[in-house]
Amino acid sequence: MQDFLFVKVENFYIKLKFSEIFYIQAEKKYVIIATAADVYISLVSIGQIEKILPKHLFCRIHRSYIISLENVEKFDNEIAYVGNKILPIAKQFRTSLKSSVTIISGEVRSFRLEDGQVDKLLQQINSKKDLTDIGMLRT
């Protein structure tokens, strides 16, 4: 399977790798294909674009947005952060987004560790102390 598509810009066909696409936005009869470097506008429906894109790489999150799963930084039930853009997630698409990605649930905490703190964290875990006492919990 190809990992790219071409967009026609004036007289040229420009290759866009799927990994370069951040999101696609519907705007009236047009779609905006946003990459880190450029934005392409095409007279095509978002439904047509959705049929072209590989389902394992892209997910519809709103009637106006399709996002690249590879380029999503984080999301909650209402918002997806893709690149420097904050995009809304509609209720009817929440389940499809969550089922499109692998999620580790439960008590997951995030730490920013400096040199030497990894050993301290491992000692805390091994002694089964409360991890919030470590003083490294990211807020």
N, C-alpha and C. Protein backbone atom coordinates (compact mmCIF):
# COMPACT_ATOMS: atom_id res chain seq x y z
N MET A 1 0.83 -1.18 0.00
CA MET A 1 0.00 0.00 0.00
C MET A 1 0.88 1.25 0.00
N GLN A 2 0.46 2.24 -0.74
CA GLN A 2 1.22 3.49 -0.80
C GLN A 2 1.09 4.25 0.52
N ASP A 3 2.14 4.98 0.85
CA ASP A 3 2.10 5.79 2.06
C ASP A 3 2.04 7.28 1.73
N PHE A 4 1.43 7.59 0.61
CA PHE A 4 1.36 8.97 0.15
C PHE A 4 0.17 9.15 -0.78
N LEU A 5 -0.12 10.41 -1.06
CA LEU A 5 -1.08 10.78 -2.10
C LEU A 5 -0.52 12.00 -2.82
N PHE A 6 -1.12 12.36 -3.91
CA PHE A 6 -0.70 13.54 -4.64
C PHE A 6 -1.83 14.56 -4.62
N VAL A 7 -1.47 15.84 -4.48
CA VAL A 7 -2.42 16.93 -4.62
C VAL A 7 -2.00 17.75 -5.82
N LYS A 8 -3.01 18.18 -6.58
CA LYS A 8 -2.71 18.98 -7.76
C LYS A 8 -2.66 20.44 -7.37
N VAL A 9 -1.51 21.06 -7.61
CA VAL A 9 -1.31 22.47 -7.34
C VAL A 9 -0.88 23.11 -8.66
N GLU A 10 -1.78 23.91 -9.22
CA GLU A 10 -1.60 24.50 -10.54
C GLU A 10 -1.34 23.38 -11.56
N ASN A 11 -0.18 23.36 -12.19
CA ASN A 11 0.10 22.34 -13.21
C ASN A 11 0.90 21.16 -12.67
N PHE A 12 1.15 21.13 -11.37
CA PHE A 12 1.99 20.09 -10.80
C PHE A 12 1.19 19.20 -9.85
N TYR A 13 1.67 17.96 -9.71
CA TYR A 13 1.14 17.03 -8.72
C TYR A 13 2.20 16.91 -7.64
N ILE A 14 1.83 17.30 -6.43
CA ILE A 14 2.78 17.33 -5.32
C ILE A 14 2.51 16.16 -4.40
N LYS A 15 3.56 15.41 -4.10
CA LYS A 15 3.45 14.24 -3.23
C LYS A 15 3.35 14.69 -1.77
N LEU A 16 2.35 14.15 -1.08
CA LEU A 16 2.21 14.34 0.36
C LEU A 16 2.24 12.99 1.02
N LYS A 17 3.24 12.78 1.85
CA LYS A 17 3.27 11.54 2.62
C LYS A 17 2.20 11.63 3.70
N PHE A 18 1.56 10.52 3.99
CA PHE A 18 0.53 10.51 5.02
C PHE A 18 1.09 10.99 6.35
N SER A 19 2.34 10.66 6.63
CA SER A 19 2.95 11.06 7.90
C SER A 19 3.14 12.57 8.00
N GLU A 20 3.13 13.28 6.87
CA GLU A 20 3.29 14.73 6.87
C GLU A 20 1.97 15.47 7.15
N ILE A 21 0.86 14.80 6.94
CA ILE A 21 -0.45 15.43 7.11
C ILE A 21 -0.79 15.46 8.60
N PHE A 22 -1.13 16.64 9.11
CA PHE A 22 -1.53 16.79 10.50
C PHE A 22 -3.04 16.62 10.65
N TYR A 23 -3.78 17.34 9.83
CA TYR A 23 -5.24 17.24 9.88
C TYR A 23 -5.84 17.72 8.57
N ILE A 24 -7.09 17.37 8.38
CA ILE A 24 -7.87 17.83 7.23
C ILE A 24 -9.09 18.52 7.80
N GLN A 25 -9.38 19.70 7.27
CA GLN A 25 -10.51 20.49 7.76
C GLN A 25 -11.47 20.79 6.62
N ALA A 26 -12.76 20.56 6.84
CA ALA A 26 -13.79 20.91 5.86
C ALA A 26 -14.15 22.38 6.03
N GLU A 27 -14.23 23.07 4.94
CA GLU A 27 -14.63 24.48 4.94
C GLU A 27 -15.50 24.72 3.71
N LYS A 28 -16.82 24.69 3.93
CA LYS A 28 -17.82 24.78 2.86
C LYS A 28 -17.59 23.64 1.86
N LYS A 29 -17.34 23.94 0.59
CA LYS A 29 -17.14 22.89 -0.41
C LYS A 29 -15.67 22.48 -0.55
N TYR A 30 -14.83 23.00 0.30
CA TYR A 30 -13.40 22.77 0.20
C TYR A 30 -12.90 21.95 1.38
N VAL A 31 -11.72 21.39 1.23
CA VAL A 31 -10.99 20.83 2.36
C VAL A 31 -9.63 21.50 2.42
N ILE A 32 -9.18 21.67 3.64
CA ILE A 32 -7.85 22.21 3.90
C ILE A 32 -7.02 21.05 4.42
N ILE A 33 -5.93 20.75 3.74
CA ILE A 33 -5.01 19.71 4.17
C ILE A 33 -3.81 20.42 4.80
N ALA A 34 -3.65 20.24 6.09
CA ALA A 34 -2.60 20.96 6.81
C ALA A 34 -1.43 20.05 7.13
N THR A 35 -0.24 20.51 6.77
CA THR A 35 1.01 19.84 7.13
C THR A 35 1.80 20.80 8.02
N ALA A 36 2.95 20.38 8.49
CA ALA A 36 3.78 21.26 9.32
C ALA A 36 4.26 22.46 8.51
N ALA A 37 4.51 22.25 7.22
CA ALA A 37 5.10 23.30 6.41
C ALA A 37 4.10 24.07 5.55
N ASP A 38 3.07 23.39 5.06
CA ASP A 38 2.18 24.00 4.09
C ASP A 38 0.71 23.67 4.36
N VAL A 39 -0.15 24.42 3.70
CA VAL A 39 -1.59 24.16 3.72
C VAL A 39 -2.04 24.09 2.27
N TYR A 40 -2.83 23.05 1.96
CA TYR A 40 -3.35 22.86 0.62
C TYR A 40 -4.86 22.93 0.68
N ILE A 41 -5.47 23.65 -0.26
CA ILE A 41 -6.93 23.77 -0.32
C ILE A 41 -7.41 23.13 -1.60
N SER A 42 -8.41 22.26 -1.47
CA SER A 42 -8.91 21.53 -2.63
C SER A 42 -10.43 21.55 -2.64
N LEU A 43 -11.01 21.60 -3.82
CA LEU A 43 -12.44 21.56 -4.00
C LEU A 43 -12.89 20.11 -4.04
N VAL A 44 -13.05 19.55 -2.86
CA VAL A 44 -13.45 18.15 -2.70
C VAL A 44 -14.11 18.04 -1.33
N SER A 45 -15.01 17.10 -1.16
CA SER A 45 -15.68 16.96 0.13
C SER A 45 -14.80 16.20 1.12
N ILE A 46 -15.04 16.44 2.40
CA ILE A 46 -14.29 15.73 3.43
C ILE A 46 -14.63 14.24 3.40
N GLY A 47 -15.85 13.90 2.97
CA GLY A 47 -16.23 12.50 2.84
C GLY A 47 -15.41 11.78 1.79
N GLN A 48 -15.14 12.46 0.67
CA GLN A 48 -14.30 11.87 -0.38
C GLN A 48 -12.88 11.66 0.12
N ILE A 49 -12.35 12.64 0.84
CA ILE A 49 -11.00 12.51 1.39
C ILE A 49 -10.95 11.38 2.41
N GLU A 50 -11.98 11.27 3.23
CA GLU A 50 -12.02 10.22 4.26
C GLU A 50 -11.95 8.83 3.63
N LYS A 51 -12.57 8.64 2.48
CA LYS A 51 -12.54 7.34 1.79
C LYS A 51 -11.15 7.01 1.25
N ILE A 52 -10.38 8.04 0.91
CA ILE A 52 -9.04 7.85 0.34
C ILE A 52 -8.01 7.51 1.41
N LEU A 53 -8.14 8.12 2.58
CA LEU A 53 -7.13 8.00 3.63
C LEU A 53 -7.18 6.64 4.31
N PRO A 54 -6.02 6.07 4.64
CA PRO A 54 -5.99 4.79 5.36
C PRO A 54 -6.58 4.93 6.76
N LYS A 55 -7.50 4.06 7.09
CA LYS A 55 -8.22 4.12 8.38
C LYS A 55 -7.30 3.89 9.57
N HIS A 56 -6.20 3.17 9.38
CA HIS A 56 -5.31 2.93 10.50
C HIS A 56 -4.40 4.14 10.79
N LEU A 57 -4.40 5.15 9.92
CA LEU A 57 -3.56 6.33 10.11
C LEU A 57 -4.36 7.60 10.40
N PHE A 58 -5.64 7.61 10.05
CA PHE A 58 -6.46 8.81 10.19
C PHE A 58 -7.78 8.49 10.86
N CYS A 59 -8.34 9.50 11.53
CA CYS A 59 -9.60 9.29 12.23
C CYS A 59 -10.45 10.55 12.14
N ARG A 60 -11.70 10.37 11.81
CA ARG A 60 -12.66 11.48 11.80
C ARG A 60 -13.03 11.78 13.24
N ILE A 61 -12.90 13.04 13.66
CA ILE A 61 -13.21 13.42 15.04
C ILE A 61 -14.36 14.42 15.12
N HIS A 62 -14.78 14.90 13.96
CA HIS A 62 -15.80 15.96 13.91
C HIS A 62 -16.31 15.99 12.48
N ARG A 63 -17.47 16.55 12.26
CA ARG A 63 -17.95 16.62 10.87
C ARG A 63 -17.03 17.46 10.00
N SER A 64 -16.21 18.31 10.64
CA SER A 64 -15.30 19.17 9.89
C SER A 64 -13.83 18.78 9.99
N TYR A 65 -13.49 17.72 10.75
CA TYR A 65 -12.08 17.40 10.96
C TYR A 65 -11.77 15.91 10.88
N ILE A 66 -10.67 15.63 10.21
CA ILE A 66 -10.04 14.31 10.22
C ILE A 66 -8.62 14.58 10.71
N ILE A 67 -8.15 13.75 11.65
CA ILE A 67 -6.81 13.97 12.18
C ILE A 67 -5.89 12.80 11.87
N SER A 68 -4.62 13.10 11.83
CA SER A 68 -3.60 12.07 11.68
C SER A 68 -3.34 11.48 13.06
N LEU A 69 -3.53 10.19 13.20
CA LEU A 69 -3.28 9.53 14.49
C LEU A 69 -1.81 9.61 14.86
N GLU A 70 -0.95 9.62 13.87
CA GLU A 70 0.49 9.70 14.10
C GLU A 70 0.90 11.05 14.67
N ASN A 71 0.17 12.09 14.33
CA ASN A 71 0.55 13.44 14.73
C ASN A 71 -0.26 14.01 15.89
N VAL A 72 -1.13 13.20 16.47
CA VAL A 72 -1.87 13.63 17.66
C VAL A 72 -0.91 13.60 18.84
N GLU A 73 -0.82 14.71 19.55
CA GLU A 73 0.06 14.77 20.72
C GLU A 73 -0.67 14.27 21.96
N LYS A 74 -1.94 14.67 22.10
CA LYS A 74 -2.76 14.23 23.22
C LYS A 74 -4.21 14.57 22.90
N PHE A 75 -5.14 13.96 23.66
CA PHE A 75 -6.54 14.27 23.51
C PHE A 75 -7.29 13.92 24.78
N ASP A 76 -8.45 14.53 24.92
CA ASP A 76 -9.36 14.14 25.99
C ASP A 76 -10.71 13.87 25.32
N ASN A 77 -11.79 13.96 26.03
CA ASN A 77 -13.10 13.68 25.42
C ASN A 77 -13.60 14.78 24.51
N GLU A 78 -13.02 15.97 24.61
CA GLU A 78 -13.54 17.10 23.86
C GLU A 78 -12.56 17.74 22.90
N ILE A 79 -11.27 17.55 23.11
CA ILE A 79 -10.26 18.27 22.33
C ILE A 79 -9.11 17.33 21.94
N ALA A 80 -8.63 17.51 20.70
CA ALA A 80 -7.42 16.83 20.25
C ALA A 80 -6.36 17.89 19.95
N TYR A 81 -5.15 17.63 20.38
CA TYR A 81 -4.03 18.53 20.13
C TYR A 81 -3.18 17.93 19.02
N VAL A 82 -3.18 18.59 17.88
CA VAL A 82 -2.46 18.10 16.71
C VAL A 82 -1.55 19.23 16.24
N GLY A 83 -0.25 18.99 16.33
CA GLY A 83 0.68 20.07 16.01
C GLY A 83 0.43 21.23 16.95
N ASN A 84 0.27 22.42 16.42
CA ASN A 84 -0.01 23.59 17.25
C ASN A 84 -1.50 23.96 17.22
N LYS A 85 -2.33 23.02 16.80
CA LYS A 85 -3.76 23.26 16.63
C LYS A 85 -4.57 22.49 17.68
N ILE A 86 -5.59 23.13 18.20
CA ILE A 86 -6.53 22.50 19.12
C ILE A 86 -7.82 22.28 18.36
N LEU A 87 -8.22 21.00 18.22
CA LEU A 87 -9.38 20.65 17.40
C LEU A 87 -10.47 20.02 18.25
N PRO A 88 -11.73 20.35 17.96
CA PRO A 88 -12.83 19.79 18.75
C PRO A 88 -13.11 18.34 18.37
N ILE A 89 -13.53 17.56 19.37
CA ILE A 89 -13.96 16.18 19.13
C ILE A 89 -15.46 16.14 19.40
N ALA A 90 -16.23 15.76 18.39
CA ALA A 90 -17.68 15.66 18.55
C ALA A 90 -18.04 14.38 19.29
N LYS A 91 -19.14 14.41 20.03
CA LYS A 91 -19.57 13.25 20.83
C LYS A 91 -19.64 11.98 20.01
N GLN A 92 -20.20 12.06 18.80
CA GLN A 92 -20.40 10.84 18.01
C GLN A 92 -19.10 10.23 17.50
N PHE A 93 -17.97 10.95 17.62
CA PHE A 93 -16.69 10.43 17.15
C PHE A 93 -15.73 10.03 18.28
N ARG A 94 -16.10 10.25 19.53
CA ARG A 94 -15.21 9.94 20.65
C ARG A 94 -14.84 8.46 20.69
N THR A 95 -15.82 7.61 20.52
CA THR A 95 -15.57 6.17 20.58
C THR A 95 -14.66 5.72 19.45
N SER A 96 -14.87 6.25 18.25
CA SER A 96 -14.03 5.83 17.12
C SER A 96 -12.59 6.27 17.31
N LEU A 97 -12.37 7.45 17.89
CA LEU A 97 -11.00 7.89 18.15
C LEU A 97 -10.33 6.98 19.18
N LYS A 98 -11.03 6.70 20.26
CA LYS A 98 -10.45 5.85 21.31
C LYS A 98 -10.20 4.44 20.82
N SER A 99 -11.03 3.94 19.93
CA SER A 99 -10.83 2.59 19.42
C SER A 99 -9.78 2.54 18.30
N SER A 100 -9.37 3.71 17.80
CA SER A 100 -8.35 3.76 16.75
C SER A 100 -6.93 3.76 17.28
N VAL A 101 -6.79 3.97 18.58
CA VAL A 101 -5.46 4.03 19.18
C VAL A 101 -5.35 3.05 20.34
N THR A 102 -4.13 2.73 20.72
CA THR A 102 -3.90 1.89 21.89
C THR A 102 -3.81 2.78 23.11
N ILE A 103 -4.59 2.45 24.12
CA ILE A 103 -4.63 3.27 25.33
C ILE A 103 -4.28 2.41 26.53
N ILE A 104 -3.37 2.90 27.37
CA ILE A 104 -3.06 2.26 28.64
C ILE A 104 -3.88 3.00 29.69
N SER A 105 -4.77 2.28 30.33
CA SER A 105 -5.64 2.90 31.32
C SER A 105 -5.14 2.61 32.72
N GLY A 106 -5.83 3.11 33.67
CA GLY A 106 -5.48 2.86 35.05
C GLY A 106 -4.72 4.03 35.63
N GLU A 107 -4.01 3.77 36.67
CA GLU A 107 -3.26 4.80 37.40
C GLU A 107 -1.92 5.02 36.72
N VAL A 108 -1.90 5.85 35.70
CA VAL A 108 -0.66 6.16 34.98
C VAL A 108 -0.24 7.57 35.38
N ARG A 109 1.01 7.72 35.73
CA ARG A 109 1.55 9.02 36.10
C ARG A 109 2.72 9.34 35.21
N SER A 110 2.92 10.60 35.00
CA SER A 110 3.99 11.06 34.13
C SER A 110 5.03 11.80 34.96
N PHE A 111 6.30 11.50 34.72
CA PHE A 111 7.39 12.10 35.47
C PHE A 111 8.41 12.71 34.52
N ARG A 112 8.98 13.81 34.93
CA ARG A 112 10.15 14.36 34.24
C ARG A 112 11.32 14.08 35.17
N LEU A 113 12.22 13.27 34.69
CA LEU A 113 13.33 12.85 35.55
C LEU A 113 14.65 13.46 35.09
N GLU A 114 15.42 13.84 36.06
CA GLU A 114 16.76 14.33 35.79
C GLU A 114 17.73 13.21 36.12
N ASP A 115 19.01 13.41 35.82
CA ASP A 115 20.02 12.39 36.11
C ASP A 115 19.96 11.97 37.57
N GLY A 116 20.03 10.68 37.79
CA GLY A 116 20.05 10.17 39.14
C GLY A 116 18.68 9.96 39.75
N GLN A 117 17.65 10.53 39.17
CA GLN A 117 16.32 10.39 39.73
C GLN A 117 15.64 9.09 39.34
N VAL A 118 16.10 8.46 38.29
CA VAL A 118 15.51 7.18 37.88
C VAL A 118 15.69 6.15 38.99
N ASP A 119 16.89 6.08 39.54
CA ASP A 119 17.15 5.13 40.63
C ASP A 119 16.26 5.43 41.84
N LYS A 120 16.10 6.70 42.16
CA LYS A 120 15.25 7.08 43.29
C LYS A 120 13.81 6.67 43.04
N LEU A 121 13.32 6.87 41.82
CA LEU A 121 11.96 6.48 41.46
C LEU A 121 11.79 4.97 41.58
N LEU A 122 12.75 4.22 41.08
CA LEU A 122 12.67 2.76 41.17
C LEU A 122 12.68 2.29 42.62
N GLN A 123 13.46 2.93 43.46
CA GLN A 123 13.48 2.59 44.89
C GLN A 123 12.12 2.85 45.53
N GLN A 124 11.51 3.96 45.16
CA GLN A 124 10.18 4.30 45.70
C GLN A 124 9.15 3.26 45.26
N ILE A 125 9.20 2.88 43.99
CA ILE A 125 8.25 1.89 43.47
C ILE A 125 8.45 0.56 44.18
N ASN A 126 9.71 0.15 44.32
CA ASN A 126 10.01 -1.12 44.98
C ASN A 126 9.62 -1.13 46.45
N SER A 127 9.69 0.01 47.10
CA SER A 127 9.30 0.07 48.51
C SER A 127 7.81 0.36 48.67
N LYS A 128 7.10 0.47 47.54
CA LYS A 128 5.64 0.65 47.51
C LYS A 128 5.18 1.87 48.28
N LYS A 129 5.98 2.92 48.26
CA LYS A 129 5.57 4.16 48.88
C LYS A 129 4.72 4.95 47.88
N ASP A 130 4.03 5.91 48.37
CA ASP A 130 3.20 6.77 47.53
C ASP A 130 4.10 7.57 46.59
N LEU A 131 3.86 7.47 45.30
CA LEU A 131 4.72 8.13 44.31
C LEU A 131 4.63 9.64 44.37
N THR A 132 3.56 10.20 44.92
CA THR A 132 3.47 11.65 45.01
C THR A 132 4.47 12.22 46.00
N ASP A 133 5.02 11.35 46.88
CA ASP A 133 6.01 11.80 47.85
C ASP A 133 7.39 12.03 47.23
N ILE A 134 7.58 11.56 46.00
CA ILE A 134 8.88 11.65 45.37
C ILE A 134 9.24 13.11 45.05
N GLY A 135 8.23 13.92 44.76
CA GLY A 135 8.48 15.31 44.42
C GLY A 135 8.82 15.49 42.95
N MET A 136 8.59 14.47 42.12
CA MET A 136 8.88 14.56 40.70
C MET A 136 7.62 14.50 39.85
N LEU A 137 6.46 14.45 40.46
CA LEU A 137 5.22 14.31 39.72
C LEU A 137 4.99 15.56 38.90
N ARG A 138 4.76 15.36 37.61
CA ARG A 138 4.52 16.48 36.71
C ARG A 138 3.10 16.98 36.93
N THR A 139 2.96 18.28 37.00
CA THR A 139 1.63 18.86 37.18
C THR A 139 1.13 19.46 35.91
